[in-house]
Amino acid sequence: MKVLFVLMSFLALNFSVNAQAKVLTSVNDAGDVATYELDCSVKFQTLAKGLRYNITRHEFKGPEMKNSYRLLLVMDGFYSKTLNSEMKISAVLSDGTIIEAKKTIEDDGFFDGACTLKIANPEALLKADIDKVIVHADKDVVYPLTAQNKAIFKKNLSNIINAK
């Protein structure tokens, strides 16, 4: 009986650790830009093994300004020396769409493992799944996503889109 209780406690703790993040809201001093982002004060959300993320939405006041969405990717322990001045990071969606960003390599020629992707259409990203993230470096490093991490990512993205 004790073993069953310990096992159930471990599973409950595991689900709470992997749950979606809280959304933090802030407004700039002028009051014309609101920022909504995942709470990463304790830890970043996991997208794949060795790959963490944060989602940010900037909401601008005024009819001509619209929301901008960004996906920050952080590769754990990724440190590459390249001869190129830029490195490309790609997110491959289940519908075949590829979201890409080019990261400028630091002056010393090293990539620090963080990159921000612009999300042009968050609703389309919500409907499609990110199948894998590819870092094109000395060699291509592929981060495949699990079904559980895809579901948590979608819930977090939905929370950012709907945050008020």
C-alpha atoms as a PDB file:
ATOM      1  CA  MET A   1       0.000   0.000   0.000  1.00  0.00           C
ATOM      2  CA  LYS A   2       2.851   2.379   0.865  1.00  0.00           C
ATOM      3  CA  VAL A   3       4.513   1.648  -2.476  1.00  0.00           C
ATOM      4  CA  LEU A   4       1.286   2.512  -4.307  1.00  0.00           C
ATOM      5  CA  PHE A   5       0.965   5.782  -2.359  1.00  0.00           C
ATOM      6  CA  VAL A   6       4.575   6.764  -3.130  1.00  0.00           C
ATOM      7  CA  LEU A   7       4.100   5.893  -6.801  1.00  0.00           C
ATOM      8  CA  MET A   8       0.900   7.960  -7.054  1.00  0.00           C
ATOM      9  CA  SER A   9       2.569  10.888  -5.263  1.00  0.00           C
ATOM     10  CA  PHE A  10       5.468  10.768  -7.707  1.00  0.00           C
ATOM     11  CA  LEU A  11       3.094  10.750 -10.700  1.00  0.00           C
ATOM     12  CA  ALA A  12       1.088  13.676  -9.312  1.00  0.00           C
ATOM     13  CA  LEU A  13       4.298  15.646  -8.745  1.00  0.00           C
ATOM     14  CA  ASN A  14       5.475  14.821 -12.267  1.00  0.00           C
ATOM     15  CA  PHE A  15       2.229  16.122 -13.791  1.00  0.00           C
ATOM     16  CA  SER A  16       2.374  19.340 -11.770  1.00  0.00           C
ATOM     17  CA  VAL A  17       5.988  19.981 -12.820  1.00  0.00           C
ATOM     18  CA  ASN A  18       5.105  19.479 -16.508  1.00  0.00           C
ATOM     19  CA  ALA A  19       1.961  21.604 -16.348  1.00  0.00           C
ATOM     20  CA  GLN A  20       1.519  24.834 -18.218  1.00  0.00           C
ATOM     21  CA  ALA A  21       3.122  28.003 -16.957  1.00  0.00           C
ATOM     22  CA  LYS A  22       1.412  31.027 -15.471  1.00  0.00           C
ATOM     23  CA  VAL A  23       1.141  34.127 -17.685  1.00  0.00           C
ATOM     24  CA  LEU A  24       2.819  37.294 -16.395  1.00  0.00           C
ATOM     25  CA  THR A  25       1.455  40.692 -17.437  1.00  0.00           C
ATOM     26  CA  SER A  26       3.284  44.007 -17.439  1.00  0.00           C
ATOM     27  CA  VAL A  27       2.698  47.469 -18.925  1.00  0.00           C
ATOM     28  CA  ASN A  28       5.448  49.924 -19.847  1.00  0.00           C
ATOM     29  CA  ASP A  29       5.728  53.321 -18.123  1.00  0.00           C
ATOM     30  CA  ALA A  30       3.969  55.191 -20.930  1.00  0.00           C
ATOM     31  CA  GLY A  31       1.079  52.709 -20.803  1.00  0.00           C
ATOM     32  CA  ASP A  32       1.039  52.061 -24.547  1.00  0.00           C
ATOM     33  CA  VAL A  33       2.601  48.572 -24.613  1.00  0.00           C
ATOM     34  CA  ALA A  34       1.433  45.570 -22.610  1.00  0.00           C
ATOM     35  CA  THR A  35       3.607  42.462 -22.402  1.00  0.00           C
ATOM     36  CA  TYR A  36       2.304  38.950 -21.747  1.00  0.00           C
ATOM     37  CA  GLU A  37       4.831  36.169 -21.219  1.00  0.00           C
ATOM     38  CA  LEU A  38       5.181  32.801 -19.543  1.00  0.00           C
ATOM     39  CA  ASP A  39       6.471  32.843 -15.983  1.00  0.00           C
ATOM     40  CA  CYS A  40      10.004  31.496 -16.249  1.00  0.00           C
ATOM     41  CA  SER A  41      11.148  32.745 -12.848  1.00  0.00           C
ATOM     42  CA  VAL A  42      11.556  29.198 -11.554  1.00  0.00           C
ATOM     43  CA  LYS A  43      12.344  27.383 -14.819  1.00  0.00           C
ATOM     44  CA  PHE A  44      11.723  27.580 -18.546  1.00  0.00           C
ATOM     45  CA  GLN A  45       9.097  25.342 -20.120  1.00  0.00           C
ATOM     46  CA  THR A  46      10.484  22.277 -21.930  1.00  0.00           C
ATOM     47  CA  LEU A  47       9.814  21.881 -25.651  1.00  0.00           C
ATOM     48  CA  ALA A  48      12.122  18.888 -26.193  1.00  0.00           C
ATOM     49  CA  LYS A  49      14.997  17.257 -24.336  1.00  0.00           C
ATOM     50  CA  GLY A  50      17.671  19.950 -24.098  1.00  0.00           C
ATOM     51  CA  LEU A  51      15.378  22.631 -25.557  1.00  0.00           C
ATOM     52  CA  ARG A  52      13.444  25.115 -23.443  1.00  0.00           C
ATOM     53  CA  TYR A  53      11.229  28.028 -24.442  1.00  0.00           C
ATOM     54  CA  ASN A  54       9.323  31.156 -23.519  1.00  0.00           C
ATOM     55  CA  ILE A  55       6.488  32.815 -25.444  1.00  0.00           C
ATOM     56  CA  THR A  56       5.993  36.595 -25.364  1.00  0.00           C
ATOM     57  CA  ARG A  57       3.237  38.797 -26.769  1.00  0.00           C
ATOM     58  CA  HIS A  58       3.565  42.570 -27.021  1.00  0.00           C
ATOM     59  CA  GLU A  59       0.215  44.325 -27.362  1.00  0.00           C
ATOM     60  CA  PHE A  60       0.405  47.866 -28.716  1.00  0.00           C
ATOM     61  CA  LYS A  61      -2.266  50.544 -28.320  1.00  0.00           C
ATOM     62  CA  GLY A  62      -3.575  52.276 -31.405  1.00  0.00           C
ATOM     63  CA  PRO A  63      -5.335  51.161 -34.580  1.00  0.00           C
ATOM     64  CA  GLU A  64      -2.205  50.882 -36.742  1.00  0.00           C
ATOM     65  CA  MET A  65      -0.241  48.790 -34.256  1.00  0.00           C
ATOM     66  CA  LYS A  66      -0.947  45.103 -33.781  1.00  0.00           C
ATOM     67  CA  ASN A  67       0.295  42.381 -31.501  1.00  0.00           C
ATOM     68  CA  SER A  68       3.717  40.848 -31.984  1.00  0.00           C
ATOM     69  CA  TYR A  69       4.555  37.329 -30.854  1.00  0.00           C
ATOM     70  CA  ARG A  70       7.988  35.873 -30.153  1.00  0.00           C
ATOM     71  CA  LEU A  71       9.196  32.370 -29.269  1.00  0.00           C
ATOM     72  CA  LEU A  72      12.480  32.323 -27.347  1.00  0.00           C
ATOM     73  CA  LEU A  73      14.345  29.023 -27.710  1.00  0.00           C
ATOM     74  CA  VAL A  74      17.131  28.111 -25.295  1.00  0.00           C
ATOM     75  CA  MET A  75      19.312  25.111 -26.080  1.00  0.00           C
ATOM     76  CA  ASP A  76      20.778  23.579 -22.908  1.00  0.00           C
ATOM     77  CA  GLY A  77      24.526  23.163 -23.111  1.00  0.00           C
ATOM     78  CA  PHE A  78      24.610  24.140 -26.782  1.00  0.00           C
ATOM     79  CA  TYR A  79      27.794  25.962 -27.577  1.00  0.00           C
ATOM     80  CA  SER A  80      29.179  25.862 -31.092  1.00  0.00           C
ATOM     81  CA  LYS A  81      32.154  27.479 -32.759  1.00  0.00           C
ATOM     82  CA  THR A  82      31.294  28.312 -36.337  1.00  0.00           C
ATOM     83  CA  LEU A  83      33.078  30.204 -39.055  1.00  0.00           C
ATOM     84  CA  ASN A  84      29.837  31.811 -40.228  1.00  0.00           C
ATOM     85  CA  SER A  85      28.606  35.154 -38.969  1.00  0.00           C
ATOM     86  CA  GLU A  86      25.026  33.816 -38.776  1.00  0.00           C
ATOM     87  CA  MET A  87      23.390  30.585 -37.705  1.00  0.00           C
ATOM     88  CA  LYS A  88      19.939  29.389 -38.773  1.00  0.00           C
ATOM     89  CA  ILE A  89      17.342  27.860 -36.433  1.00  0.00           C
ATOM     90  CA  SER A  90      14.218  26.251 -37.950  1.00  0.00           C
ATOM     91  CA  ALA A  91      10.954  25.079 -36.416  1.00  0.00           C
ATOM     92  CA  VAL A  92       9.292  22.496 -38.693  1.00  0.00           C
ATOM     93  CA  LEU A  93       5.499  22.319 -38.362  1.00  0.00           C
ATOM     94  CA  SER A  94       3.316  19.276 -39.036  1.00  0.00           C
ATOM     95  CA  ASP A  95       1.766  20.972 -42.113  1.00  0.00           C
ATOM     96  CA  GLY A  96       5.242  21.384 -43.663  1.00  0.00           C
ATOM     97  CA  THR A  97       5.624  25.087 -42.837  1.00  0.00           C
ATOM     98  CA  ILE A  98       9.068  26.120 -41.631  1.00  0.00           C
ATOM     99  CA  ILE A  99       9.600  29.079 -39.295  1.00  0.00           C
ATOM    100  CA  GLU A 100      13.202  30.256 -39.462  1.00  0.00           C
ATOM    101  CA  ALA A 101      15.386  32.752 -37.693  1.00  0.00           C
ATOM    102  CA  LYS A 102      18.968  33.715 -38.266  1.00  0.00           C
ATOM    103  CA  LYS A 103      21.030  34.331 -35.173  1.00  0.00           C
ATOM    104  CA  THR A 104      24.040  36.594 -35.447  1.00  0.00           C
ATOM    105  CA  ILE A 105      27.052  34.877 -33.955  1.00  0.00           C
ATOM    106  CA  GLU A 106      28.827  36.740 -31.176  1.00  0.00           C
ATOM    107  CA  ASP A 107      31.959  38.711 -32.082  1.00  0.00           C
ATOM    108  CA  ASP A 108      34.118  35.901 -30.706  1.00  0.00           C
ATOM    109  CA  GLY A 109      32.587  33.415 -33.176  1.00  0.00           C
ATOM    110  CA  PHE A 110      30.545  31.437 -30.643  1.00  0.00           C
ATOM    111  CA  PHE A 111      26.793  30.779 -30.526  1.00  0.00           C
ATOM    112  CA  ASP A 112      25.391  31.091 -26.984  1.00  0.00           C
ATOM    113  CA  GLY A 113      22.425  28.722 -27.399  1.00  0.00           C
ATOM    114  CA  ALA A 114      19.505  31.204 -27.426  1.00  0.00           C
ATOM    115  CA  CYS A 115      17.435  32.417 -30.355  1.00  0.00           C
ATOM    116  CA  THR A 116      14.139  34.256 -30.821  1.00  0.00           C
ATOM    117  CA  LEU A 117      11.709  33.282 -33.583  1.00  0.00           C
ATOM    118  CA  LYS A 118       9.022  35.751 -34.717  1.00  0.00           C
ATOM    119  CA  ILE A 119       5.584  34.175 -34.849  1.00  0.00           C
ATOM    120  CA  ALA A 120       3.749  35.874 -37.717  1.00  0.00           C
ATOM    121  CA  ASN A 121       0.501  33.929 -37.302  1.00  0.00           C
ATOM    122  CA  PRO A 122       0.035  32.486 -33.787  1.00  0.00           C
ATOM    123  CA  GLU A 123      -3.421  31.099 -34.644  1.00  0.00           C
ATOM    124  CA  ALA A 124      -1.910  28.980 -37.438  1.00  0.00           C
ATOM    125  CA  LEU A 125       0.813  27.786 -35.052  1.00  0.00           C
ATOM    126  CA  LEU A 126      -1.910  26.856 -32.571  1.00  0.00           C
ATOM    127  CA  LYS A 127      -3.627  24.693 -35.206  1.00  0.00           C
ATOM    128  CA  ALA A 128      -0.413  23.034 -36.416  1.00  0.00           C
ATOM    129  CA  ASP A 129       2.098  21.116 -34.316  1.00  0.00           C
ATOM    130  CA  ILE A 130       5.809  21.832 -34.123  1.00  0.00           C
ATOM    131  CA  ASP A 131       7.296  18.465 -35.061  1.00  0.00           C
ATOM    132  CA  LYS A 132      10.937  19.358 -34.565  1.00  0.00           C
ATOM    133  CA  VAL A 133      13.385  22.204 -34.123  1.00  0.00           C
ATOM    134  CA  ILE A 134      16.618  22.149 -36.120  1.00  0.00           C
ATOM    135  CA  VAL A 135      19.743  24.135 -35.309  1.00  0.00           C
ATOM    136  CA  HIS A 136      21.917  24.400 -38.417  1.00  0.00           C
ATOM    137  CA  ALA A 137      25.432  24.671 -36.949  1.00  0.00           C
ATOM    138  CA  ASP A 138      28.660  22.740 -37.497  1.00  0.00           C
ATOM    139  CA  LYS A 139      26.223  19.882 -38.040  1.00  0.00           C
ATOM    140  CA  ASP A 140      22.419  19.951 -37.901  1.00  0.00           C
ATOM    141  CA  VAL A 141      21.077  19.301 -34.399  1.00  0.00           C
ATOM    142  CA  VAL A 142      17.471  18.063 -34.424  1.00  0.00           C
ATOM    143  CA  TYR A 143      15.172  18.351 -31.393  1.00  0.00           C
ATOM    144  CA  PRO A 144      12.070  16.119 -31.888  1.00  0.00           C
ATOM    145  CA  LEU A 145       9.013  17.004 -29.756  1.00  0.00           C
ATOM    146  CA  THR A 146       6.924  14.566 -27.719  1.00  0.00           C
ATOM    147  CA  ALA A 147       3.118  14.575 -27.872  1.00  0.00           C
ATOM    148  CA  GLN A 148       2.938  15.718 -24.229  1.00  0.00           C
ATOM    149  CA  ASN A 149       5.265  18.689 -24.823  1.00  0.00           C
ATOM    150  CA  LYS A 150       3.308  19.636 -27.969  1.00  0.00           C
ATOM    151  CA  ALA A 151       0.067  19.689 -25.952  1.00  0.00           C
ATOM    152  CA  ILE A 152       1.597  21.810 -23.168  1.00  0.00           C
ATOM    153  CA  PHE A 153       3.104  24.196 -25.754  1.00  0.00           C
ATOM    154  CA  LYS A 154      -0.302  24.624 -27.423  1.00  0.00           C
ATOM    155  CA  LYS A 155      -1.969  25.327 -24.071  1.00  0.00           C
ATOM    156  CA  ASN A 156       0.728  27.881 -23.172  1.00  0.00           C
ATOM    157  CA  LEU A 157       0.437  29.560 -26.592  1.00  0.00           C
ATOM    158  CA  SER A 158      -3.351  29.675 -26.229  1.00  0.00           C
ATOM    159  CA  ASN A 159      -2.987  31.267 -22.787  1.00  0.00           C
ATOM    160  CA  ILE A 160      -0.644  33.952 -24.212  1.00  0.00           C
ATOM    161  CA  ILE A 161      -2.994  34.658 -27.140  1.00  0.00           C
ATOM    162  CA  ASN A 162      -6.027  34.988 -24.849  1.00  0.00           C
ATOM    163  CA  ALA A 163      -4.308  36.874 -21.989  1.00  0.00           C
ATOM    164  CA  LYS A 164      -5.886  40.219 -21.076  1.00  0.00           C
END
